[in-house]
Amino acid sequence: MDAALLLAALASRAGDRVDLLAYDRRVRARVQGRTAGELLPALVNAMATLEPELLETDARGLTATALRSAPRRSLIVLLTTLDPAPIEEGLLPVLAQLTQRHTILLASVADPHVARMAKARGTTDSVYEAAAAAQAQSERERTAEQLRRHGVTVVDATPEELPPALSDAYLALKAAGRL
């Protein structure tokens, strides 16, 4: 939520229109067409009611809803997981529909515990944990690389690093003339 709010504030101040669509298997929250002064309170109110659920996103439904919501060329930011199965089976088959018309930026929260585990040594258990963490990180990077090959900008960062990393990616896209 911090990353979404920081990005919205930054984009709004840059004069860009900002909308929110929270979607898993249905629309959970939506904010559209707000002025700069109304935007952040509307986003906070919409996101305050969101509760995490252990559901795989219906990527086809999300794509159809996003395309209806954004008929003109837009930056679509997906805040989602980089787990291979949901990306490969859900998002990749419909990604071309989004990238045809829009610039896609996918942001994912990396688990800081996995990064710490990857560096652990000293005991047999910590070596096994390090190997498991390295495998998990490798799978995330492989998934991110698949997305990049489809033209998606990917930001994968820990919770405290995600808001500025996402904002930096937005600014880089803007500076490169891709928005």
N, C-alpha and C. Protein backbone atom coordinates (compact mmCIF):
# COMPACT_ATOMS: atom_id res chain seq x y z
N MET A 1 0.82 -1.19 0.00
CA MET A 1 0.00 0.00 0.00
C MET A 1 0.87 1.26 0.00
N ASP A 2 1.97 1.20 0.74
CA ASP A 2 2.88 2.35 0.76
C ASP A 2 3.41 2.63 -0.65
N ALA A 3 3.77 1.57 -1.35
CA ALA A 3 4.32 1.75 -2.70
C ALA A 3 3.27 2.35 -3.63
N ALA A 4 2.04 1.86 -3.54
CA ALA A 4 0.97 2.38 -4.39
C ALA A 4 0.68 3.84 -4.08
N LEU A 5 0.66 4.19 -2.81
CA LEU A 5 0.37 5.58 -2.44
C LEU A 5 1.50 6.53 -2.85
N LEU A 6 2.74 6.10 -2.65
CA LEU A 6 3.86 6.95 -3.06
C LEU A 6 3.86 7.15 -4.57
N LEU A 7 3.64 6.07 -5.32
CA LEU A 7 3.60 6.18 -6.77
C LEU A 7 2.44 7.08 -7.21
N ALA A 8 1.29 6.93 -6.59
CA ALA A 8 0.13 7.76 -6.94
C ALA A 8 0.41 9.23 -6.67
N ALA A 9 1.01 9.53 -5.52
CA ALA A 9 1.32 10.92 -5.19
C ALA A 9 2.32 11.50 -6.19
N LEU A 10 3.32 10.73 -6.53
CA LEU A 10 4.34 11.18 -7.48
C LEU A 10 3.74 11.41 -8.87
N ALA A 11 2.98 10.45 -9.35
CA ALA A 11 2.38 10.56 -10.68
C ALA A 11 1.36 11.70 -10.74
N SER A 12 0.59 11.85 -9.69
CA SER A 12 -0.40 12.92 -9.64
C SER A 12 0.28 14.29 -9.68
N ARG A 13 1.36 14.43 -8.93
CA ARG A 13 2.10 15.71 -8.92
C ARG A 13 2.76 15.97 -10.26
N ALA A 14 3.04 14.91 -11.02
CA ALA A 14 3.63 15.07 -12.34
C ALA A 14 2.57 15.37 -13.40
N GLY A 15 1.31 15.43 -12.96
CA GLY A 15 0.23 15.76 -13.88
C GLY A 15 -0.42 14.57 -14.55
N ASP A 16 -0.04 13.37 -14.14
CA ASP A 16 -0.62 12.17 -14.73
C ASP A 16 -1.92 11.79 -14.03
N ARG A 17 -2.82 11.22 -14.79
CA ARG A 17 -4.07 10.70 -14.23
C ARG A 17 -3.73 9.38 -13.52
N VAL A 18 -4.30 9.19 -12.35
CA VAL A 18 -4.05 7.98 -11.56
C VAL A 18 -5.38 7.35 -11.21
N ASP A 19 -5.52 6.07 -11.53
CA ASP A 19 -6.67 5.27 -11.15
C ASP A 19 -6.17 4.06 -10.37
N LEU A 20 -7.05 3.45 -9.61
CA LEU A 20 -6.72 2.24 -8.85
C LEU A 20 -7.75 1.17 -9.17
N LEU A 21 -7.26 -0.03 -9.41
CA LEU A 21 -8.12 -1.19 -9.56
C LEU A 21 -7.51 -2.30 -8.72
N ALA A 22 -8.21 -2.71 -7.68
CA ALA A 22 -7.77 -3.85 -6.87
C ALA A 22 -8.63 -5.03 -7.31
N TYR A 23 -7.97 -6.09 -7.78
CA TYR A 23 -8.68 -7.19 -8.43
C TYR A 23 -8.02 -8.51 -8.07
N ASP A 24 -8.82 -9.53 -7.77
CA ASP A 24 -8.30 -10.89 -7.69
C ASP A 24 -9.17 -11.78 -8.58
N ARG A 25 -10.34 -12.11 -8.13
CA ARG A 25 -11.31 -12.81 -8.97
C ARG A 25 -12.48 -11.90 -9.32
N ARG A 26 -12.47 -10.74 -8.71
CA ARG A 26 -13.48 -9.71 -8.96
C ARG A 26 -12.89 -8.37 -8.52
N VAL A 27 -13.55 -7.30 -8.86
CA VAL A 27 -13.09 -5.98 -8.45
C VAL A 27 -13.31 -5.84 -6.95
N ARG A 28 -12.24 -5.56 -6.23
CA ARG A 28 -12.30 -5.37 -4.77
C ARG A 28 -12.37 -3.89 -4.40
N ALA A 29 -11.75 -3.07 -5.21
CA ALA A 29 -11.77 -1.62 -4.98
C ALA A 29 -11.45 -0.93 -6.30
N ARG A 30 -12.00 0.27 -6.45
CA ARG A 30 -11.75 1.03 -7.67
C ARG A 30 -11.81 2.51 -7.33
N VAL A 31 -10.85 3.25 -7.86
CA VAL A 31 -10.84 4.71 -7.77
C VAL A 31 -10.52 5.21 -9.16
N GLN A 32 -11.40 6.05 -9.69
CA GLN A 32 -11.20 6.58 -11.04
C GLN A 32 -11.59 8.04 -11.11
N GLY A 33 -10.88 8.77 -11.97
CA GLY A 33 -11.27 10.13 -12.32
C GLY A 33 -11.23 11.13 -11.18
N ARG A 34 -10.36 10.97 -10.23
CA ARG A 34 -10.27 11.92 -9.12
C ARG A 34 -9.28 13.03 -9.43
N THR A 35 -9.56 14.20 -8.91
CA THR A 35 -8.62 15.30 -9.06
C THR A 35 -7.43 15.05 -8.14
N ALA A 36 -6.37 15.80 -8.34
CA ALA A 36 -5.17 15.62 -7.53
C ALA A 36 -5.46 15.77 -6.05
N GLY A 37 -6.30 16.73 -5.68
CA GLY A 37 -6.63 16.95 -4.27
C GLY A 37 -7.49 15.86 -3.66
N GLU A 38 -8.28 15.19 -4.46
CA GLU A 38 -9.15 14.12 -3.98
C GLU A 38 -8.49 12.74 -4.00
N LEU A 39 -7.41 12.62 -4.79
CA LEU A 39 -6.85 11.31 -5.09
C LEU A 39 -6.37 10.53 -3.87
N LEU A 40 -5.44 11.08 -3.11
CA LEU A 40 -4.87 10.31 -2.01
C LEU A 40 -5.90 9.90 -0.96
N PRO A 41 -6.79 10.79 -0.52
CA PRO A 41 -7.82 10.33 0.42
C PRO A 41 -8.69 9.22 -0.17
N ALA A 42 -9.03 9.32 -1.45
CA ALA A 42 -9.85 8.28 -2.08
C ALA A 42 -9.10 6.95 -2.15
N LEU A 43 -7.81 7.00 -2.45
CA LEU A 43 -7.01 5.78 -2.50
C LEU A 43 -6.90 5.14 -1.12
N VAL A 44 -6.63 5.96 -0.11
CA VAL A 44 -6.51 5.45 1.26
C VAL A 44 -7.83 4.79 1.68
N ASN A 45 -8.94 5.45 1.42
CA ASN A 45 -10.24 4.89 1.79
C ASN A 45 -10.51 3.59 1.06
N ALA A 46 -10.19 3.53 -0.22
CA ALA A 46 -10.43 2.32 -1.01
C ALA A 46 -9.55 1.17 -0.55
N MET A 47 -8.29 1.46 -0.26
CA MET A 47 -7.36 0.39 0.13
C MET A 47 -7.55 -0.04 1.57
N ALA A 48 -8.11 0.82 2.40
CA ALA A 48 -8.30 0.49 3.82
C ALA A 48 -9.21 -0.72 4.00
N THR A 49 -10.11 -0.93 3.08
CA THR A 49 -11.06 -2.04 3.20
C THR A 49 -10.51 -3.35 2.63
N LEU A 50 -9.38 -3.30 1.97
CA LEU A 50 -8.83 -4.51 1.35
C LEU A 50 -8.25 -5.44 2.40
N GLU A 51 -8.57 -6.69 2.27
CA GLU A 51 -8.03 -7.73 3.13
C GLU A 51 -7.36 -8.78 2.25
N PRO A 52 -6.18 -9.24 2.64
CA PRO A 52 -5.53 -10.27 1.81
C PRO A 52 -6.31 -11.57 1.85
N GLU A 53 -6.34 -12.23 0.71
CA GLU A 53 -6.98 -13.53 0.60
C GLU A 53 -6.04 -14.44 -0.17
N LEU A 54 -6.06 -15.71 0.18
CA LEU A 54 -5.21 -16.68 -0.48
C LEU A 54 -5.93 -17.20 -1.72
N LEU A 55 -5.92 -16.36 -2.76
CA LEU A 55 -6.57 -16.67 -4.04
C LEU A 55 -5.60 -16.40 -5.16
N GLU A 56 -5.68 -17.21 -6.19
CA GLU A 56 -4.91 -16.91 -7.39
C GLU A 56 -5.73 -15.94 -8.22
N THR A 57 -5.09 -14.91 -8.70
CA THR A 57 -5.77 -13.89 -9.49
C THR A 57 -6.26 -14.47 -10.82
N ASP A 58 -7.46 -14.11 -11.18
CA ASP A 58 -8.01 -14.45 -12.50
C ASP A 58 -7.41 -13.46 -13.49
N ALA A 59 -6.32 -13.85 -14.12
CA ALA A 59 -5.59 -12.94 -15.01
C ALA A 59 -6.42 -12.53 -16.22
N ARG A 60 -7.25 -13.41 -16.73
CA ARG A 60 -8.10 -13.06 -17.87
C ARG A 60 -9.12 -12.00 -17.47
N GLY A 61 -9.73 -12.18 -16.31
CA GLY A 61 -10.69 -11.19 -15.83
C GLY A 61 -10.02 -9.86 -15.52
N LEU A 62 -8.84 -9.93 -14.92
CA LEU A 62 -8.08 -8.71 -14.62
C LEU A 62 -7.75 -7.97 -15.91
N THR A 63 -7.28 -8.70 -16.91
CA THR A 63 -6.90 -8.09 -18.18
C THR A 63 -8.11 -7.42 -18.84
N ALA A 64 -9.22 -8.14 -18.88
CA ALA A 64 -10.44 -7.57 -19.50
C ALA A 64 -10.89 -6.32 -18.76
N THR A 65 -10.86 -6.36 -17.44
CA THR A 65 -11.29 -5.21 -16.64
C THR A 65 -10.33 -4.04 -16.82
N ALA A 66 -9.03 -4.32 -16.84
CA ALA A 66 -8.04 -3.26 -17.02
C ALA A 66 -8.18 -2.63 -18.41
N LEU A 67 -8.40 -3.43 -19.43
CA LEU A 67 -8.54 -2.88 -20.78
C LEU A 67 -9.80 -2.02 -20.91
N ARG A 68 -10.87 -2.41 -20.24
CA ARG A 68 -12.09 -1.58 -20.25
C ARG A 68 -11.86 -0.28 -19.48
N SER A 69 -11.11 -0.36 -18.40
CA SER A 69 -10.87 0.81 -17.55
C SER A 69 -9.88 1.79 -18.16
N ALA A 70 -8.98 1.30 -18.99
CA ALA A 70 -7.94 2.14 -19.58
C ALA A 70 -7.97 1.99 -21.10
N PRO A 71 -8.91 2.66 -21.76
CA PRO A 71 -9.01 2.51 -23.22
C PRO A 71 -7.85 3.16 -23.99
N ARG A 72 -7.22 4.20 -23.40
CA ARG A 72 -6.08 4.85 -24.05
C ARG A 72 -4.78 4.29 -23.49
N ARG A 73 -3.71 4.51 -24.25
CA ARG A 73 -2.39 4.04 -23.81
C ARG A 73 -2.10 4.54 -22.40
N SER A 74 -1.72 3.64 -21.53
CA SER A 74 -1.51 3.97 -20.12
C SER A 74 -0.35 3.15 -19.55
N LEU A 75 0.10 3.56 -18.41
CA LEU A 75 0.98 2.74 -17.60
C LEU A 75 0.09 1.93 -16.68
N ILE A 76 0.21 0.62 -16.76
CA ILE A 76 -0.52 -0.26 -15.85
C ILE A 76 0.51 -0.87 -14.90
N VAL A 77 0.29 -0.64 -13.61
CA VAL A 77 1.19 -1.16 -12.59
C VAL A 77 0.49 -2.33 -11.91
N LEU A 78 1.11 -3.49 -12.00
CA LEU A 78 0.59 -4.68 -11.35
C LEU A 78 1.39 -4.92 -10.08
N LEU A 79 0.73 -4.90 -8.95
CA LEU A 79 1.37 -5.23 -7.69
C LEU A 79 0.96 -6.67 -7.38
N THR A 80 1.89 -7.59 -7.60
CA THR A 80 1.56 -9.01 -7.50
C THR A 80 2.80 -9.82 -7.16
N THR A 81 2.62 -11.09 -7.07
CA THR A 81 3.72 -11.99 -6.72
C THR A 81 4.56 -12.33 -7.95
N LEU A 82 5.79 -12.76 -7.72
CA LEU A 82 6.64 -13.25 -8.79
C LEU A 82 6.76 -14.77 -8.73
N ASP A 83 5.81 -15.42 -8.07
CA ASP A 83 5.82 -16.88 -8.03
C ASP A 83 5.61 -17.40 -9.44
N PRO A 84 6.38 -18.41 -9.84
CA PRO A 84 6.32 -18.86 -11.23
C PRO A 84 4.94 -19.33 -11.70
N ALA A 85 4.24 -20.15 -10.94
CA ALA A 85 2.98 -20.74 -11.41
C ALA A 85 1.92 -19.69 -11.77
N PRO A 86 1.61 -18.73 -10.88
CA PRO A 86 0.59 -17.74 -11.26
C PRO A 86 0.99 -16.88 -12.45
N ILE A 87 2.28 -16.61 -12.58
CA ILE A 87 2.75 -15.80 -13.71
C ILE A 87 2.69 -16.61 -15.00
N GLU A 88 3.27 -17.80 -14.97
CA GLU A 88 3.37 -18.61 -16.18
C GLU A 88 2.01 -19.12 -16.65
N GLU A 89 1.17 -19.52 -15.73
CA GLU A 89 -0.13 -20.10 -16.11
C GLU A 89 -1.22 -19.05 -16.21
N GLY A 90 -1.10 -17.95 -15.46
CA GLY A 90 -2.15 -16.94 -15.44
C GLY A 90 -1.84 -15.72 -16.27
N LEU A 91 -0.75 -15.03 -15.95
CA LEU A 91 -0.46 -13.74 -16.58
C LEU A 91 0.15 -13.85 -17.97
N LEU A 92 1.15 -14.70 -18.15
CA LEU A 92 1.84 -14.76 -19.44
C LEU A 92 0.90 -15.04 -20.62
N PRO A 93 -0.08 -15.94 -20.50
CA PRO A 93 -0.96 -16.18 -21.64
C PRO A 93 -1.79 -14.97 -22.07
N VAL A 94 -2.02 -14.01 -21.19
CA VAL A 94 -2.84 -12.83 -21.54
C VAL A 94 -2.02 -11.54 -21.60
N LEU A 95 -0.74 -11.65 -21.34
CA LEU A 95 0.10 -10.46 -21.26
C LEU A 95 0.15 -9.67 -22.56
N ALA A 96 0.16 -10.35 -23.68
CA ALA A 96 0.23 -9.65 -24.97
C ALA A 96 -0.94 -8.70 -25.16
N GLN A 97 -2.10 -9.05 -24.62
CA GLN A 97 -3.27 -8.15 -24.73
C GLN A 97 -2.99 -6.82 -24.02
N LEU A 98 -2.26 -6.88 -22.92
CA LEU A 98 -1.94 -5.67 -22.17
C LEU A 98 -0.79 -4.90 -22.81
N THR A 99 0.27 -5.60 -23.19
CA THR A 99 1.46 -4.92 -23.70
C THR A 99 1.25 -4.36 -25.10
N GLN A 100 0.23 -4.84 -25.80
CA GLN A 100 -0.09 -4.32 -27.13
C GLN A 100 -0.40 -2.82 -27.08
N ARG A 101 -1.13 -2.42 -26.06
CA ARG A 101 -1.60 -1.04 -25.97
C ARG A 101 -0.96 -0.27 -24.82
N HIS A 102 -0.49 -0.95 -23.80
CA HIS A 102 -0.06 -0.29 -22.57
C HIS A 102 1.39 -0.62 -22.21
N THR A 103 1.96 0.23 -21.39
CA THR A 103 3.25 -0.04 -20.76
C THR A 103 2.95 -0.73 -19.43
N ILE A 104 3.60 -1.85 -19.19
CA ILE A 104 3.32 -2.65 -17.99
C ILE A 104 4.53 -2.60 -17.07
N LEU A 105 4.24 -2.32 -15.82
CA LEU A 105 5.24 -2.31 -14.75
C LEU A 105 4.73 -3.25 -13.67
N LEU A 106 5.48 -4.29 -13.39
CA LEU A 106 5.08 -5.25 -12.36
C LEU A 106 5.98 -5.08 -11.15
N ALA A 107 5.36 -4.89 -10.00
CA ALA A 107 6.11 -4.73 -8.75
C ALA A 107 5.75 -5.87 -7.82
N SER A 108 6.76 -6.43 -7.19
CA SER A 108 6.54 -7.57 -6.31
C SER A 108 7.37 -7.39 -5.04
N VAL A 109 6.81 -7.82 -3.94
CA VAL A 109 7.49 -7.72 -2.64
C VAL A 109 8.33 -8.98 -2.43
N ALA A 110 9.62 -8.78 -2.28
CA ALA A 110 10.54 -9.87 -1.98
C ALA A 110 10.58 -10.08 -0.46
N ASP A 111 10.72 -11.31 -0.06
CA ASP A 111 10.77 -11.66 1.36
C ASP A 111 12.18 -11.40 1.90
N PRO A 112 12.34 -10.45 2.83
CA PRO A 112 13.68 -10.15 3.34
C PRO A 112 14.28 -11.34 4.10
N HIS A 113 13.43 -12.19 4.63
CA HIS A 113 13.92 -13.38 5.34
C HIS A 113 14.65 -14.32 4.37
N VAL A 114 14.18 -14.42 3.14
CA VAL A 114 14.82 -15.29 2.15
C VAL A 114 16.22 -14.75 1.84
N ALA A 115 16.37 -13.44 1.72
CA ALA A 115 17.69 -12.86 1.46
C ALA A 115 18.65 -13.14 2.61
N ARG A 116 18.14 -13.05 3.85
CA ARG A 116 18.99 -13.37 5.01
C ARG A 116 19.37 -14.86 5.02
N MET A 117 18.40 -15.70 4.69
CA MET A 117 18.67 -17.14 4.65
C MET A 117 19.74 -17.47 3.62
N ALA A 118 19.71 -16.80 2.48
CA ALA A 118 20.66 -17.09 1.40
C ALA A 118 22.10 -16.82 1.83
N LYS A 119 22.29 -15.94 2.79
CA LYS A 119 23.64 -15.60 3.25
C LYS A 119 24.09 -16.42 4.45
N ALA A 120 23.17 -17.21 5.02
CA ALA A 120 23.48 -17.94 6.26
C ALA A 120 24.48 -19.07 6.00
N ARG A 121 25.35 -19.25 6.94
CA ARG A 121 26.33 -20.35 6.92
C ARG A 121 26.62 -20.72 8.37
N GLY A 122 27.39 -21.76 8.55
CA GLY A 122 27.84 -22.09 9.90
C GLY A 122 27.32 -23.40 10.42
N THR A 123 26.09 -23.73 10.12
CA THR A 123 25.54 -25.01 10.56
C THR A 123 24.96 -25.73 9.34
N THR A 124 24.74 -27.01 9.52
CA THR A 124 24.15 -27.79 8.44
C THR A 124 22.78 -27.24 8.06
N ASP A 125 21.98 -26.91 9.07
CA ASP A 125 20.66 -26.36 8.81
C ASP A 125 20.74 -25.05 8.03
N SER A 126 21.67 -24.19 8.41
CA SER A 126 21.76 -22.90 7.72
C SER A 126 22.23 -23.07 6.28
N VAL A 127 23.07 -24.06 6.01
CA VAL A 127 23.51 -24.32 4.64
C VAL A 127 22.32 -24.79 3.80
N TYR A 128 21.48 -25.67 4.36
CA TYR A 128 20.29 -26.11 3.64
C TYR A 128 19.32 -24.95 3.42
N GLU A 129 19.18 -24.11 4.43
CA GLU A 129 18.32 -22.93 4.28
C GLU A 129 18.86 -22.01 3.20
N ALA A 130 20.18 -21.84 3.16
CA ALA A 130 20.80 -20.99 2.15
C ALA A 130 20.55 -21.55 0.75
N ALA A 131 20.63 -22.86 0.61
CA ALA A 131 20.39 -23.49 -0.68
C ALA A 131 18.92 -23.30 -1.11
N ALA A 132 18.00 -23.49 -0.16
CA ALA A 132 16.58 -23.30 -0.47
C ALA A 132 16.30 -21.84 -0.84
N ALA A 133 16.91 -20.92 -0.11
CA ALA A 133 16.71 -19.50 -0.41
C ALA A 133 17.29 -19.14 -1.78
N ALA A 134 18.45 -19.67 -2.09
CA ALA A 134 19.06 -19.40 -3.40
C ALA A 134 18.18 -19.94 -4.52
N GLN A 135 17.57 -21.09 -4.31
CA GLN A 135 16.68 -21.65 -5.32
C GLN A 135 15.44 -20.77 -5.48
N ALA A 136 14.87 -20.30 -4.38
CA ALA A 136 13.69 -19.43 -4.44
C ALA A 136 14.04 -18.12 -5.15
N GLN A 137 15.18 -17.54 -4.84
CA GLN A 137 15.60 -16.31 -5.51
C GLN A 137 15.83 -16.53 -7.00
N SER A 138 16.39 -17.68 -7.35
CA SER A 138 16.63 -18.00 -8.75
C SER A 138 15.31 -18.15 -9.51
N GLU A 139 14.31 -18.77 -8.90
CA GLU A 139 13.00 -18.91 -9.54
C GLU A 139 12.35 -17.54 -9.76
N ARG A 140 12.46 -16.65 -8.76
CA ARG A 140 11.90 -15.30 -8.91
C ARG A 140 12.59 -14.56 -10.05
N GLU A 141 13.90 -14.66 -10.12
CA GLU A 141 14.65 -13.97 -11.17
C GLU A 141 14.32 -14.54 -12.55
N ARG A 142 14.15 -15.85 -12.63
CA ARG A 142 13.78 -16.48 -13.90
C ARG A 142 12.38 -16.00 -14.35
N THR A 143 11.47 -15.90 -13.40
CA THR A 143 10.13 -15.41 -13.71
C THR A 143 10.18 -13.94 -14.14
N ALA A 144 10.97 -13.14 -13.43
CA ALA A 144 11.12 -11.73 -13.79
C ALA A 144 11.71 -11.59 -15.19
N GLU A 145 12.67 -12.45 -15.53
CA GLU A 145 13.28 -12.39 -16.85
C GLU A 145 12.29 -12.76 -17.95
N GLN A 146 11.41 -13.72 -17.68
CA GLN A 146 10.36 -14.05 -18.65
C GLN A 146 9.49 -12.83 -18.91
N LEU A 147 9.12 -12.13 -17.86
CA LEU A 147 8.29 -10.94 -18.00
C LEU A 147 9.02 -9.85 -18.78
N ARG A 148 10.29 -9.66 -18.49
CA ARG A 148 11.08 -8.65 -19.21
C ARG A 148 11.14 -8.95 -20.69
N ARG A 149 11.25 -10.23 -21.05
CA ARG A 149 11.28 -10.60 -22.47
C ARG A 149 9.98 -10.24 -23.17
N HIS A 150 8.90 -10.09 -22.42
CA HIS A 150 7.61 -9.67 -22.97
C HIS A 150 7.41 -8.16 -22.87
N GLY A 151 8.47 -7.43 -22.52
CA GLY A 151 8.39 -5.98 -22.49
C GLY A 151 7.92 -5.38 -21.17
N VAL A 152 7.84 -6.19 -20.14
CA VAL A 152 7.38 -5.72 -18.83
C VAL A 152 8.58 -5.21 -18.03
N THR A 153 8.42 -4.07 -17.39
CA THR A 153 9.41 -3.58 -16.44
C THR A 153 9.10 -4.24 -15.11
N VAL A 154 10.09 -4.84 -14.48
CA VAL A 154 9.88 -5.58 -13.23
C VAL A 154 10.66 -4.94 -12.10
N VAL A 155 9.98 -4.72 -10.99
CA VAL A 155 10.60 -4.24 -9.76
C VAL A 155 10.36 -5.31 -8.71
N ASP A 156 11.43 -5.87 -8.18
CA ASP A 156 11.35 -6.90 -7.14
C ASP A 156 12.19 -6.39 -5.98
N ALA A 157 11.52 -6.02 -4.89
CA ALA A 157 12.24 -5.40 -3.78
C ALA A 157 11.58 -5.77 -2.45
N THR A 158 12.35 -5.64 -1.40
CA THR A 158 11.83 -5.92 -0.05
C THR A 158 10.80 -4.86 0.32
N PRO A 159 10.00 -5.11 1.33
CA PRO A 159 8.93 -4.16 1.68
C PRO A 159 9.41 -2.73 1.88
N GLU A 160 10.54 -2.54 2.55
CA GLU A 160 11.01 -1.18 2.78
C GLU A 160 11.63 -0.55 1.54
N GLU A 161 12.12 -1.37 0.61
CA GLU A 161 12.73 -0.86 -0.61
C GLU A 161 11.74 -0.67 -1.75
N LEU A 162 10.58 -1.32 -1.68
CA LEU A 162 9.64 -1.30 -2.81
C LEU A 162 9.10 0.10 -3.14
N PRO A 163 8.63 0.89 -2.17
CA PRO A 163 8.09 2.20 -2.56
C PRO A 163 9.07 3.07 -3.35
N PRO A 164 10.30 3.27 -2.89
CA PRO A 164 11.19 4.10 -3.70
C PRO A 164 11.62 3.42 -5.00
N ALA A 165 11.76 2.09 -5.00
CA ALA A 165 12.16 1.39 -6.23
C ALA A 165 11.06 1.49 -7.29
N LEU A 166 9.82 1.38 -6.88
CA LEU A 166 8.70 1.51 -7.82
C LEU A 166 8.63 2.94 -8.36
N SER A 167 8.81 3.91 -7.50
CA SER A 167 8.81 5.31 -7.93
C SER A 167 9.95 5.58 -8.89
N ASP A 168 11.13 5.04 -8.61
CA ASP A 168 12.28 5.21 -9.50
C ASP A 168 12.00 4.59 -10.87
N ALA A 169 11.36 3.42 -10.89
CA ALA A 169 11.03 2.77 -12.17
C ALA A 169 10.06 3.62 -12.97
N TYR A 170 9.07 4.21 -12.30
CA TYR A 170 8.12 5.10 -12.96
C TYR A 170 8.86 6.31 -13.56
N LEU A 171 9.73 6.92 -12.77
CA LEU A 171 10.48 8.08 -13.26
C LEU A 171 11.38 7.72 -14.43
N ALA A 172 11.98 6.53 -14.38
CA ALA A 172 12.84 6.09 -15.49
C ALA A 172 12.02 5.88 -16.77
N LEU A 173 10.84 5.29 -16.64
CA LEU A 173 9.96 5.11 -17.81
C LEU A 173 9.55 6.46 -18.37
N LYS A 174 9.23 7.38 -17.49
CA LYS A 174 8.81 8.72 -17.91
C LYS A 174 9.98 9.44 -18.62
N ALA A 175 11.16 9.35 -18.04
CA ALA A 175 12.33 10.01 -18.63
C ALA A 175 12.70 9.40 -19.98
N ALA A 176 12.43 8.11 -20.15
CA ALA A 176 12.75 7.42 -21.41
C ALA A 176 11.68 7.66 -22.47
N GLY A 177 10.61 8.39 -22.12
CA GLY A 177 9.55 8.67 -23.07
C GLY A 177 8.63 7.49 -23.33
N ARG A 178 8.59 6.55 -22.41
CA ARG A 178 7.75 5.36 -22.61
C ARG A 178 6.35 5.53 -22.05
N LEU A 179 6.07 6.72 -21.46
CA LEU A 179 4.73 6.96 -20.93
C LEU A 179 4.03 8.06 -21.70
